[in-house]
Amino acid sequence: MAKKKFRITEKDFLLANRKASREEEIAQYGKQILFRTIKQKSKKVYDRKRLKKAGINSDDLPFYLSVRSPRP
């Protein structure tokens, strides 16, 4: 029976890199650092900076809209 060639897939490569980085992290800090403890900010909370970044101001809202009819 012929020997099968061992092929490293992309999935195997990513898993090996993650495991290596996790081991380096544990060696450096003595424990694994969890980034999941950082909570995502709720979009329902009023945030003036986010509104500024989006360019939404009360001045941007139209007060009067004129509509012209085409001339015959």
N, C-alpha and C. Protein backbone atom coordinates (compact mmCIF):
# COMPACT_ATOMS: atom_id res chain seq x y z
N MET A 1 0.84 -1.18 0.00
CA MET A 1 0.00 0.00 0.00
C MET A 1 0.89 1.25 0.00
N ALA A 2 0.56 2.21 -0.84
CA ALA A 2 1.37 3.43 -0.99
C ALA A 2 1.14 4.36 0.20
N LYS A 3 2.20 5.05 0.60
CA LYS A 3 2.10 6.00 1.69
C LYS A 3 1.36 7.25 1.22
N LYS A 4 0.49 7.76 2.07
CA LYS A 4 -0.19 9.01 1.74
C LYS A 4 0.70 10.17 2.14
N LYS A 5 0.71 11.19 1.32
CA LYS A 5 1.48 12.39 1.63
C LYS A 5 0.69 13.22 2.65
N PHE A 6 1.41 13.74 3.62
CA PHE A 6 0.79 14.58 4.63
C PHE A 6 0.71 16.01 4.08
N ARG A 7 -0.49 16.54 4.02
CA ARG A 7 -0.70 17.89 3.50
C ARG A 7 -1.19 18.78 4.63
N ILE A 8 -0.59 19.93 4.74
CA ILE A 8 -1.01 20.90 5.75
C ILE A 8 -2.03 21.83 5.09
N THR A 9 -3.22 21.82 5.63
CA THR A 9 -4.27 22.68 5.10
C THR A 9 -4.21 24.04 5.79
N GLU A 10 -4.95 24.97 5.27
CA GLU A 10 -5.00 26.31 5.85
C GLU A 10 -5.56 26.26 7.27
N LYS A 11 -6.53 25.40 7.49
CA LYS A 11 -7.14 25.25 8.81
C LYS A 11 -6.11 24.75 9.82
N ASP A 12 -5.33 23.74 9.42
CA ASP A 12 -4.28 23.22 10.30
C ASP A 12 -3.24 24.28 10.62
N PHE A 13 -2.88 25.08 9.63
CA PHE A 13 -1.90 26.14 9.79
C PHE A 13 -2.39 27.18 10.80
N LEU A 14 -3.64 27.59 10.67
CA LEU A 14 -4.21 28.58 11.59
C LEU A 14 -4.30 28.04 13.02
N LEU A 15 -4.71 26.78 13.15
CA LEU A 15 -4.80 26.18 14.48
C LEU A 15 -3.43 26.11 15.15
N ALA A 16 -2.41 25.74 14.39
CA ALA A 16 -1.05 25.65 14.93
C ALA A 16 -0.55 27.02 15.36
N ASN A 17 -0.81 28.06 14.56
CA ASN A 17 -0.38 29.41 14.91
C ASN A 17 -1.10 29.92 16.15
N ARG A 18 -2.39 29.65 16.26
CA ARG A 18 -3.15 30.07 17.44
C ARG A 18 -2.63 29.39 18.70
N LYS A 19 -2.34 28.10 18.59
CA LYS A 19 -1.84 27.36 19.74
C LYS A 19 -0.47 27.90 20.16
N ALA A 20 0.39 28.19 19.18
CA ALA A 20 1.72 28.72 19.49
C ALA A 20 1.63 30.10 20.14
N SER A 21 0.76 30.97 19.63
CA SER A 21 0.62 32.31 20.20
C SER A 21 0.03 32.24 21.61
N ARG A 22 -0.89 31.30 21.82
CA ARG A 22 -1.47 31.12 23.15
C ARG A 22 -0.41 30.66 24.15
N GLU A 23 0.46 29.73 23.72
CA GLU A 23 1.53 29.24 24.59
C GLU A 23 2.54 30.35 24.90
N GLU A 24 2.87 31.18 23.91
CA GLU A 24 3.76 32.32 24.13
C GLU A 24 3.15 33.31 25.13
N GLU A 25 1.85 33.54 25.00
CA GLU A 25 1.14 34.46 25.88
C GLU A 25 1.16 33.95 27.32
N ILE A 26 0.93 32.66 27.50
CA ILE A 26 0.96 32.05 28.83
C ILE A 26 2.36 32.12 29.42
N ALA A 27 3.37 31.89 28.59
CA ALA A 27 4.76 31.96 29.07
C ALA A 27 5.12 33.38 29.48
N GLN A 28 4.62 34.37 28.74
CA GLN A 28 4.97 35.77 29.01
C GLN A 28 4.23 36.32 30.24
N TYR A 29 2.92 36.07 30.32
CA TYR A 29 2.10 36.68 31.37
C TYR A 29 1.75 35.72 32.51
N GLY A 30 2.00 34.44 32.33
CA GLY A 30 1.67 33.47 33.35
C GLY A 30 0.24 32.98 33.27
N LYS A 31 -0.56 33.59 32.43
CA LYS A 31 -1.94 33.16 32.21
C LYS A 31 -2.39 33.67 30.85
N GLN A 32 -3.51 33.15 30.40
CA GLN A 32 -4.04 33.58 29.11
C GLN A 32 -4.81 34.88 29.30
N ILE A 33 -4.57 35.84 28.42
CA ILE A 33 -5.26 37.12 28.47
C ILE A 33 -6.60 36.97 27.76
N LEU A 34 -7.67 37.35 28.43
CA LEU A 34 -8.99 37.26 27.83
C LEU A 34 -9.43 38.64 27.35
N PHE A 35 -9.66 38.77 26.08
CA PHE A 35 -10.13 40.04 25.52
C PHE A 35 -11.65 40.10 25.50
N ARG A 36 -12.29 39.02 25.89
CA ARG A 36 -13.75 39.00 25.87
C ARG A 36 -14.35 39.80 27.01
N THR A 37 -13.52 40.18 27.98
CA THR A 37 -14.04 40.95 29.11
C THR A 37 -14.37 42.38 28.71
N ILE A 38 -13.85 42.85 27.58
CA ILE A 38 -14.16 44.18 27.09
C ILE A 38 -15.56 44.15 26.49
N LYS A 39 -16.46 44.95 27.04
CA LYS A 39 -17.84 44.93 26.59
C LYS A 39 -18.04 45.90 25.44
N GLN A 40 -18.91 45.52 24.54
CA GLN A 40 -19.23 46.38 23.40
C GLN A 40 -20.20 47.45 23.87
N LYS A 41 -19.96 48.68 23.42
CA LYS A 41 -20.80 49.79 23.82
C LYS A 41 -22.15 49.70 23.10
N SER A 42 -23.21 49.91 23.84
CA SER A 42 -24.54 49.84 23.28
C SER A 42 -24.78 51.01 22.33
N LYS A 43 -25.43 50.74 21.22
CA LYS A 43 -25.72 51.79 20.25
C LYS A 43 -26.92 52.63 20.69
N LYS A 44 -27.66 52.15 21.68
CA LYS A 44 -28.82 52.88 22.15
C LYS A 44 -28.44 54.03 23.07
N VAL A 45 -27.23 54.00 23.61
CA VAL A 45 -26.78 55.05 24.52
C VAL A 45 -26.44 56.29 23.72
N TYR A 46 -26.86 57.45 24.20
CA TYR A 46 -26.56 58.71 23.53
C TYR A 46 -25.07 58.98 23.59
N ASP A 47 -24.46 59.21 22.45
CA ASP A 47 -23.03 59.44 22.38
C ASP A 47 -22.77 60.58 21.40
N ARG A 48 -22.41 61.73 21.95
CA ARG A 48 -22.21 62.92 21.12
C ARG A 48 -21.05 62.73 20.15
N LYS A 49 -19.98 62.07 20.60
CA LYS A 49 -18.82 61.87 19.72
C LYS A 49 -19.18 61.02 18.51
N ARG A 50 -19.96 59.97 18.73
CA ARG A 50 -20.36 59.11 17.62
C ARG A 50 -21.24 59.87 16.64
N LEU A 51 -22.14 60.71 17.18
CA LEU A 51 -23.00 61.50 16.31
C LEU A 51 -22.19 62.51 15.50
N LYS A 52 -21.18 63.10 16.13
CA LYS A 52 -20.31 64.03 15.41
C LYS A 52 -19.57 63.32 14.29
N LYS A 53 -19.09 62.12 14.60
CA LYS A 53 -18.34 61.35 13.61
C LYS A 53 -19.23 60.98 12.43
N ALA A 54 -20.49 60.69 12.71
CA ALA A 54 -21.43 60.33 11.66
C ALA A 54 -21.90 61.57 10.88
N GLY A 55 -21.66 62.77 11.43
CA GLY A 55 -22.04 64.00 10.75
C GLY A 55 -23.50 64.34 10.93
N ILE A 56 -24.11 63.87 12.01
CA ILE A 56 -25.52 64.13 12.26
C ILE A 56 -25.62 65.29 13.26
N ASN A 57 -26.19 66.38 12.83
CA ASN A 57 -26.42 67.54 13.68
C ASN A 57 -27.88 67.94 13.56
N SER A 58 -28.36 68.71 14.50
CA SER A 58 -29.74 69.19 14.39
C SER A 58 -29.84 70.21 13.25
N ASP A 59 -28.71 70.83 12.87
CA ASP A 59 -28.71 71.80 11.77
C ASP A 59 -28.87 71.13 10.42
N ASP A 60 -28.57 69.84 10.34
CA ASP A 60 -28.64 69.14 9.07
C ASP A 60 -30.07 68.80 8.65
N LEU A 61 -31.00 68.87 9.58
CA LEU A 61 -32.37 68.50 9.27
C LEU A 61 -33.05 69.61 8.49
N PRO A 62 -33.77 69.28 7.42
CA PRO A 62 -34.43 70.32 6.61
C PRO A 62 -35.70 70.82 7.30
N PHE A 63 -35.87 72.14 7.31
CA PHE A 63 -37.06 72.74 7.88
C PHE A 63 -38.10 73.03 6.79
N TYR A 64 -37.61 73.36 5.61
CA TYR A 64 -38.51 73.72 4.53
C TYR A 64 -38.02 73.05 3.26
N LEU A 65 -38.92 72.44 2.57
CA LEU A 65 -38.58 71.77 1.32
C LEU A 65 -39.44 72.37 0.22
N SER A 66 -38.79 73.00 -0.74
CA SER A 66 -39.55 73.60 -1.84
C SER A 66 -39.60 72.63 -3.01
N VAL A 67 -40.77 72.53 -3.59
CA VAL A 67 -40.95 71.64 -4.73
C VAL A 67 -41.42 72.47 -5.90
N ARG A 68 -40.69 72.41 -6.99
CA ARG A 68 -41.08 73.16 -8.20
C ARG A 68 -41.77 72.21 -9.18
N SER A 69 -42.76 72.75 -9.79
CA SER A 69 -43.43 71.96 -10.83
C SER A 69 -42.77 72.30 -12.16
N PRO A 70 -42.64 71.36 -13.04
CA PRO A 70 -42.02 71.63 -14.33
C PRO A 70 -42.90 72.54 -15.19
N ARG A 71 -42.26 73.43 -15.91
CA ARG A 71 -43.01 74.38 -16.77
C ARG A 71 -43.49 73.65 -18.02
N PRO A 72 -44.73 73.96 -18.41
CA PRO A 72 -45.27 73.30 -19.63
C PRO A 72 -44.70 73.85 -20.90
